[in-house]
Protein backbone atom coordinates (compact mmCIF):
# COMPACT_ATOMS: atom_id res chain seq x y z
CA MET A 1 -19.98 12.32 -5.85
CA SER A 2 -19.01 11.81 -2.20
CA ALA A 3 -16.52 9.21 -1.01
CA ALA A 4 -19.21 7.41 0.89
CA ALA A 5 -21.42 7.25 -2.18
CA LYS A 6 -18.55 5.95 -4.31
CA ARG A 7 -17.90 3.11 -1.80
CA GLU A 8 -21.56 2.16 -1.42
CA GLY A 9 -22.19 -1.31 -2.69
CA SER A 10 -18.49 -2.10 -3.20
CA GLN A 11 -17.16 -5.39 -1.98
CA MET A 12 -13.63 -6.61 -1.19
CA ALA A 13 -12.62 -10.22 -0.70
CA ILE A 14 -9.47 -11.09 1.25
CA ILE A 15 -8.09 -14.60 0.63
CA GLY A 16 -6.03 -15.61 3.64
CA ALA A 17 -6.88 -14.83 7.26
CA GLY A 18 -3.42 -15.03 8.74
CA SER A 19 -1.37 -12.18 10.16
CA VAL A 20 -1.26 -10.29 6.92
CA GLY A 21 -4.82 -10.95 5.81
CA SER A 22 -6.33 -9.99 9.14
CA ALA A 23 -4.18 -6.83 9.41
CA ILE A 24 -5.39 -5.80 5.90
CA ALA A 25 -9.01 -6.50 6.86
CA PHE A 26 -8.62 -4.37 10.02
CA ALA A 27 -7.01 -1.48 8.14
CA CYS A 28 -9.72 -1.52 5.45
CA LEU A 29 -12.39 -1.82 8.13
CA MET A 30 -11.12 1.20 10.07
CA ARG A 31 -11.12 3.33 6.94
CA SER A 32 -14.46 2.06 5.62
CA VAL A 33 -12.77 1.31 2.31
CA VAL A 34 -15.65 -0.76 0.97
CA SER A 35 -19.23 -1.52 2.08
CA GLU A 36 -18.57 -5.22 2.69
CA LEU A 37 -15.50 -7.35 3.46
CA LEU A 38 -15.50 -11.06 2.69
CA ILE A 39 -12.80 -13.17 4.40
CA ASN A 40 -11.84 -16.68 3.26
CA ASP A 41 -9.25 -19.10 4.42
CA PHE A 42 -8.67 -22.86 4.04
CA ASN A 43 -8.67 -22.97 7.89
CA ALA A 44 -12.38 -22.40 8.44
CA LYS A 45 -12.01 -22.24 12.24
CA VAL A 46 -9.39 -19.49 12.18
CA CYS A 47 -11.30 -17.61 9.45
CA GLU A 48 -14.54 -17.61 11.56
CA GLY A 49 -12.57 -16.46 14.61
CA GLN A 50 -10.97 -13.54 12.67
CA VAL A 51 -14.39 -12.55 11.28
CA LEU A 52 -16.00 -12.54 14.75
CA ASP A 53 -13.13 -10.49 16.12
CA LEU A 54 -13.31 -8.01 13.27
CA GLN A 55 -17.05 -7.70 13.72
CA ASP A 56 -16.43 -6.51 17.25
CA ALA A 57 -14.46 -3.58 15.78
CA ALA A 58 -16.96 -2.80 13.02
CA PHE A 59 -19.04 -0.46 15.28
CA VAL A 60 -16.64 2.36 14.29
CA SER A 61 -17.02 1.61 10.56
CA SER A 62 -19.68 1.55 7.91
CA THR A 63 -18.22 -1.75 6.58
CA LYS A 64 -19.83 -5.12 7.18
CA VAL A 65 -17.61 -8.20 7.63
CA ARG A 66 -18.49 -11.87 7.01
CA VAL A 67 -17.02 -15.15 5.91
CA GLY A 68 -17.19 -15.57 2.17
CA THR A 69 -17.14 -18.72 0.09
CA PRO A 70 -14.55 -18.90 -2.73
CA LYS A 71 -17.32 -18.41 -5.29
CA GLU A 72 -18.63 -15.32 -3.50
CA CYS A 73 -15.10 -13.96 -3.23
CA GLY A 74 -14.66 -14.41 -6.95
CA GLN A 75 -17.50 -11.97 -7.50
CA ALA A 76 -16.03 -9.19 -5.37
CA ASP A 77 -15.01 -5.82 -6.87
CA ILE A 78 -11.51 -6.10 -5.32
CA ILE A 79 -9.90 -9.48 -4.59
CA VAL A 80 -6.83 -9.46 -2.38
CA ILE A 81 -4.74 -12.61 -2.26
CA THR A 82 -2.55 -12.91 0.79
CA ALA A 83 -2.63 -16.72 0.94
CA GLY A 84 0.82 -18.12 0.64
CA ALA A 85 3.73 -19.74 2.42
CA ARG A 86 5.25 -17.50 5.01
CA GLN A 87 8.81 -16.26 4.28
CA LYS A 88 11.23 -17.96 6.67
CA PRO A 89 14.06 -16.07 8.43
CA GLY A 90 16.94 -15.87 5.96
CA GLU A 91 14.85 -17.06 3.00
CA SER A 92 14.76 -14.87 -0.12
CA ARG A 93 11.46 -14.02 -1.78
CA ASP A 94 12.52 -15.84 -4.87
CA GLU A 95 12.85 -19.07 -2.92
CA LEU A 96 9.13 -18.84 -2.22
CA VAL A 97 8.14 -19.24 -5.89
CA LEU A 98 7.58 -22.98 -5.95
CA ARG A 99 5.81 -23.16 -2.66
CA ASN A 100 3.46 -20.30 -3.49
CA GLU A 101 2.79 -21.28 -7.11
CA ASP A 102 0.58 -24.19 -6.08
CA ILE A 103 -1.24 -22.17 -3.48
CA LEU A 104 -1.98 -19.39 -6.01
CA ARG A 105 -3.18 -21.89 -8.61
CA SER A 106 -5.54 -23.50 -6.11
CA VAL A 107 -6.89 -20.16 -4.90
CA LEU A 108 -7.61 -18.88 -8.46
CA GLU A 109 -9.35 -22.13 -9.44
CA GLY A 110 -11.62 -21.84 -6.36
CA LEU A 111 -12.54 -18.19 -7.28
CA GLN A 112 -13.72 -19.00 -10.79
CA PRO A 113 -15.63 -17.58 -12.47
CA ILE A 114 -14.06 -14.26 -11.43
CA LYS A 115 -16.09 -11.11 -11.92
CA LYS A 116 -15.07 -9.55 -15.27
CA THR A 117 -14.61 -6.06 -13.80
CA ALA A 118 -12.73 -7.25 -10.62
CA ILE A 119 -9.39 -5.89 -9.64
CA LEU A 120 -7.08 -8.68 -8.43
CA MET A 121 -4.35 -7.67 -6.04
CA LEU A 122 -1.45 -9.91 -5.10
CA VAL A 123 0.23 -9.43 -1.70
CA ALA A 124 2.06 -12.77 -1.38
CA ASN A 125 5.77 -13.00 -2.44
CA PRO A 126 7.61 -13.00 -4.75
CA VAL A 127 4.97 -10.50 -5.85
CA ASN A 128 6.21 -9.78 -9.36
CA VAL A 129 6.29 -13.44 -10.32
CA LEU A 130 2.94 -14.19 -8.70
CA THR A 131 1.40 -11.20 -10.48
CA CYS A 132 2.66 -12.60 -13.70
CA MET A 133 1.18 -16.03 -12.96
CA ALA A 134 -2.16 -14.47 -11.84
CA GLN A 135 -2.39 -12.48 -15.09
CA LYS A 136 -2.11 -15.76 -16.98
CA LEU A 137 -4.35 -17.88 -14.75
CA SER A 138 -7.13 -15.49 -13.71
CA GLY A 139 -8.57 -14.70 -17.15
CA LEU A 140 -8.59 -10.97 -16.35
CA PRO A 141 -6.97 -8.25 -18.50
CA PRO A 142 -3.45 -7.45 -17.31
CA ARG A 143 -4.51 -3.91 -16.25
CA GLN A 144 -6.84 -5.50 -13.70
CA VAL A 145 -4.20 -7.70 -12.07
CA ILE A 146 -1.72 -5.84 -9.86
CA GLY A 147 0.72 -6.58 -7.03
CA THR A 148 1.58 -4.41 -4.05
CA GLY A 149 5.06 -4.26 -5.53
CA THR A 150 7.41 -1.63 -4.15
CA TYR A 151 4.81 0.62 -2.57
CA LEU A 152 5.91 -0.18 0.94
CA ASP A 153 9.58 -0.01 -0.03
CA SER A 154 8.98 3.45 -1.50
CA VAL A 155 7.34 4.56 1.75
CA ARG A 156 10.37 3.37 3.68
CA PHE A 157 12.65 5.16 1.21
CA ARG A 158 10.78 8.41 1.66
CA VAL A 159 10.76 8.17 5.40
CA ALA A 160 14.55 7.76 5.34
CA ILE A 161 14.91 10.87 3.21
CA LYS A 162 12.39 12.74 5.38
CA ASP A 163 14.43 12.07 8.49
CA THR A 164 17.57 13.31 6.72
CA LEU A 165 16.16 16.45 5.25
CA LYS A 166 13.65 17.29 8.02
CA VAL A 167 10.64 17.47 5.71
CA SER A 168 7.33 15.60 5.49
CA GLU A 169 7.51 12.31 3.64
CA THR A 170 4.62 13.54 1.44
CA SER A 171 6.97 16.24 0.20
CA VAL A 172 9.47 13.58 -0.99
CA HIS A 173 8.93 12.44 -4.48
CA ALA A 174 11.10 9.32 -4.75
CA TYR A 175 10.48 5.72 -5.76
CA ILE A 176 11.85 2.23 -5.31
CA VAL A 177 11.15 0.40 -8.56
CA GLY A 178 11.64 -3.01 -10.16
CA ASP A 179 11.62 -5.78 -7.68
CA HIS A 180 10.14 -5.98 -4.14
CA GLY A 181 13.09 -7.67 -2.69
CA ASP A 182 16.90 -7.97 -3.04
CA LYS A 183 16.93 -6.59 -6.60
CA GLN A 184 14.93 -3.45 -5.87
CA VAL A 185 16.23 -0.18 -7.33
CA ALA A 186 16.27 3.11 -5.48
CA VAL A 187 15.84 5.85 -8.14
CA TRP A 188 17.97 8.73 -6.74
CA SER A 189 18.65 10.35 -10.12
CA SER A 190 15.18 11.80 -10.64
CA ALA A 191 13.93 12.06 -7.06
CA SER A 192 13.07 15.53 -5.78
CA VAL A 193 11.85 17.53 -2.81
CA GLY A 194 9.84 20.62 -3.36
CA GLY A 195 10.85 20.75 -7.00
CA LYS A 196 14.57 20.55 -6.12
CA PRO A 197 16.52 17.51 -7.31
CA MET A 198 17.32 15.16 -4.47
CA LEU A 199 20.95 14.94 -5.41
CA ALA A 200 21.34 18.73 -5.15
CA PHE A 201 20.88 18.62 -1.30
CA GLU A 202 24.15 18.68 0.61
CA GLU A 203 22.87 16.08 3.08
CA ILE A 204 22.14 13.66 0.28
CA LYS A 205 25.51 14.30 -1.35
CA LYS A 206 27.19 13.29 1.89
CA MET A 207 25.02 10.25 2.45
CA ASP A 208 26.12 6.71 1.75
CA ARG A 209 23.30 6.19 -0.67
CA ALA A 210 24.14 2.58 -1.36
CA ALA A 211 24.02 1.75 2.30
CA GLU A 212 20.77 3.64 2.80
CA ALA A 213 19.11 1.87 -0.13
CA ALA A 214 20.36 -1.49 1.27
CA LYS A 215 18.87 -0.65 4.62
CA VAL A 216 15.50 0.03 3.01
CA ALA A 217 15.72 -3.29 1.15
CA ARG A 218 16.59 -5.24 4.35
CA LYS A 219 13.96 -3.75 6.65
CA ALA A 220 11.41 -6.52 5.92
CA TYR A 221 14.06 -9.14 6.80
CA SER A 222 14.69 -7.36 10.08
CA ILE A 223 11.02 -7.40 10.95
CA ILE A 224 10.71 -11.04 9.98
CA ASP A 225 13.73 -11.94 12.16
CA LEU A 226 12.21 -10.12 15.15
CA LYS A 227 8.56 -11.07 14.96
CA GLY A 228 8.10 -13.64 12.24
CA ALA A 229 6.22 -11.58 9.65
CA THR A 230 5.45 -8.10 8.40
CA SER A 231 1.81 -7.04 8.56
CA PHE A 232 0.92 -3.47 9.56
CA GLY A 233 2.82 -1.62 6.87
CA ILE A 234 1.48 -3.75 4.02
CA ALA A 235 -2.03 -3.50 5.50
CA ALA A 236 -1.82 0.26 5.28
CA VAL A 237 -0.60 0.00 1.69
CA VAL A 238 -3.46 -2.27 0.64
CA SER A 239 -6.08 0.00 2.24
CA GLU A 240 -4.68 2.95 0.32
CA VAL A 241 -4.56 1.05 -2.99
CA ALA A 242 -8.15 -0.09 -2.43
CA LEU A 243 -9.25 3.47 -1.91
CA CYS A 244 -7.49 4.44 -5.19
CA ILE A 245 -9.74 1.86 -6.84
CA THR A 246 -13.07 2.51 -5.10
CA LEU A 247 -12.79 6.27 -5.36
CA ASN A 248 -11.18 6.24 -8.86
CA LYS A 249 -8.45 8.55 -7.44
CA LEU A 250 -5.96 7.87 -10.27
CA SER A 251 -3.17 8.34 -7.79
CA VAL A 252 0.31 7.47 -9.05
CA VAL A 253 1.66 4.69 -6.82
CA PRO A 254 4.33 2.04 -7.37
CA LEU A 255 2.72 -1.35 -8.06
CA SER A 256 3.58 -4.60 -9.87
CA THR A 257 2.07 -4.74 -13.34
CA TYR A 258 3.10 -5.98 -16.77
CA CYS A 259 5.54 -3.49 -18.25
CA GLU A 260 5.75 -3.78 -22.02
CA ARG A 261 8.93 -1.72 -21.98
CA PHE A 262 10.73 -4.45 -20.11
CA ASP A 263 8.55 -7.38 -21.17
CA ALA A 264 8.02 -8.40 -17.49
CA CYS A 265 5.90 -7.77 -14.45
CA LEU A 266 7.80 -5.19 -12.53
CA SER A 267 6.87 -2.49 -10.03
CA PHE A 268 6.71 1.04 -11.39
CA PRO A 269 4.54 4.09 -10.62
CA VAL A 270 1.08 3.58 -12.17
CA SER A 271 -2.01 5.70 -12.32
CA LEU A 272 -4.64 3.54 -10.57
CA GLY A 273 -8.40 3.85 -10.60
CA THR A 274 -11.60 1.85 -10.77
CA ASN A 275 -10.67 0.19 -14.09
CA GLY A 276 -7.20 -0.81 -12.79
CA VAL A 277 -3.93 0.52 -14.23
CA GLU A 278 -4.57 3.51 -16.52
CA ARG A 279 -0.97 4.24 -17.35
CA ILE A 280 2.59 3.43 -16.28
CA VAL A 281 4.83 6.34 -15.35
CA TYR A 282 8.48 5.42 -15.83
CA PRO A 283 10.70 7.74 -13.81
CA ASP A 284 13.89 9.01 -15.47
CA MET A 285 16.73 6.70 -14.53
CA ASP A 286 20.48 6.93 -15.01
CA GLU A 287 22.46 4.15 -16.73
CA HIS A 288 23.23 2.30 -13.48
CA GLU A 289 19.61 2.32 -12.27
CA LEU A 290 18.34 1.25 -15.69
CA ALA A 291 20.81 -1.61 -15.80
CA MET A 292 19.69 -2.82 -12.39
CA VAL A 293 16.03 -2.77 -13.57
CA GLU A 294 16.97 -4.70 -16.67
CA GLU A 295 18.70 -7.33 -14.52
CA SER A 296 15.56 -7.60 -12.39
CA ALA A 297 13.40 -7.96 -15.54
CA VAL A 298 15.55 -10.84 -16.79
CA ALA A 299 15.24 -12.68 -13.50
CA THR A 300 11.47 -12.13 -13.42
CA ARG A 301 11.03 -13.30 -16.99
CA HIS A 302 13.10 -16.40 -16.23
CA ALA A 303 11.02 -17.23 -13.17
CA CYS A 304 7.72 -16.79 -15.00
CA ARG A 305 8.80 -18.95 -17.90
CA ASN A 306 9.70 -21.74 -15.53
CA TYR A 307 6.36 -21.92 -13.79
CA ARG A 308 4.08 -24.76 -14.76
CA GLU A 309 1.48 -23.64 -17.32
């Protein structure tokens, strides 16, 4: 079956028409990820303006764009939630929990009843905690509720390695796992390039790996300090995740999901398709990396237990 045929009749709803939501809509529109995009925002005026602007770009795409009501959005095949308080300069993602909890609760109540086969994707931060909340509040099976997790962080990680080793980033098999934020873990121990262990390369041996990992973790803060928000990178990530779903690609990508091994929502490579998460692929980790993931799991469990049921 062709890609176009697979996407025929598919519908994506984007909740939140701010800088992130509009960038996601544009990325998905340019790639004709679905047949129809529904956009919803509490600010009806801004939402209508974004839709009219996106419709002007739709002549290069097979995707239709329109404003969607919350009830209509709840019946989409893929529901992307970007609505949330914007991270302030110097503010950690964990500090966003209380502000974004109420927003998420309100959004999910408005979407009900949610289509039973829908895939719900969280983009707002802190994404692991909000994914946990959405799994409990949406009524959907955990495999159908995912967060963008460390996908973008992993891309940044691979680009850094690419520049060091002078190879394509697609040839770098390396992941950031655990938390999308200050507690993220760069898995150096099992990373590879062309089948060769990453740590066997002389350039990597000489690298200050802790400093490189910290630079990857801080990139979002640098962007926020300079322009107020990140949007283009995460938009590309969401468009790719959506294609994994609509085309049932079963690609292995790092996303937030419930991990029974750690009893928490964390970001790990998962096989993703039309039915959601098919399996979690835990990369081999050394003792230090595993300890860092465990620490992140404890923090995530604590945050999830504290939210108001």
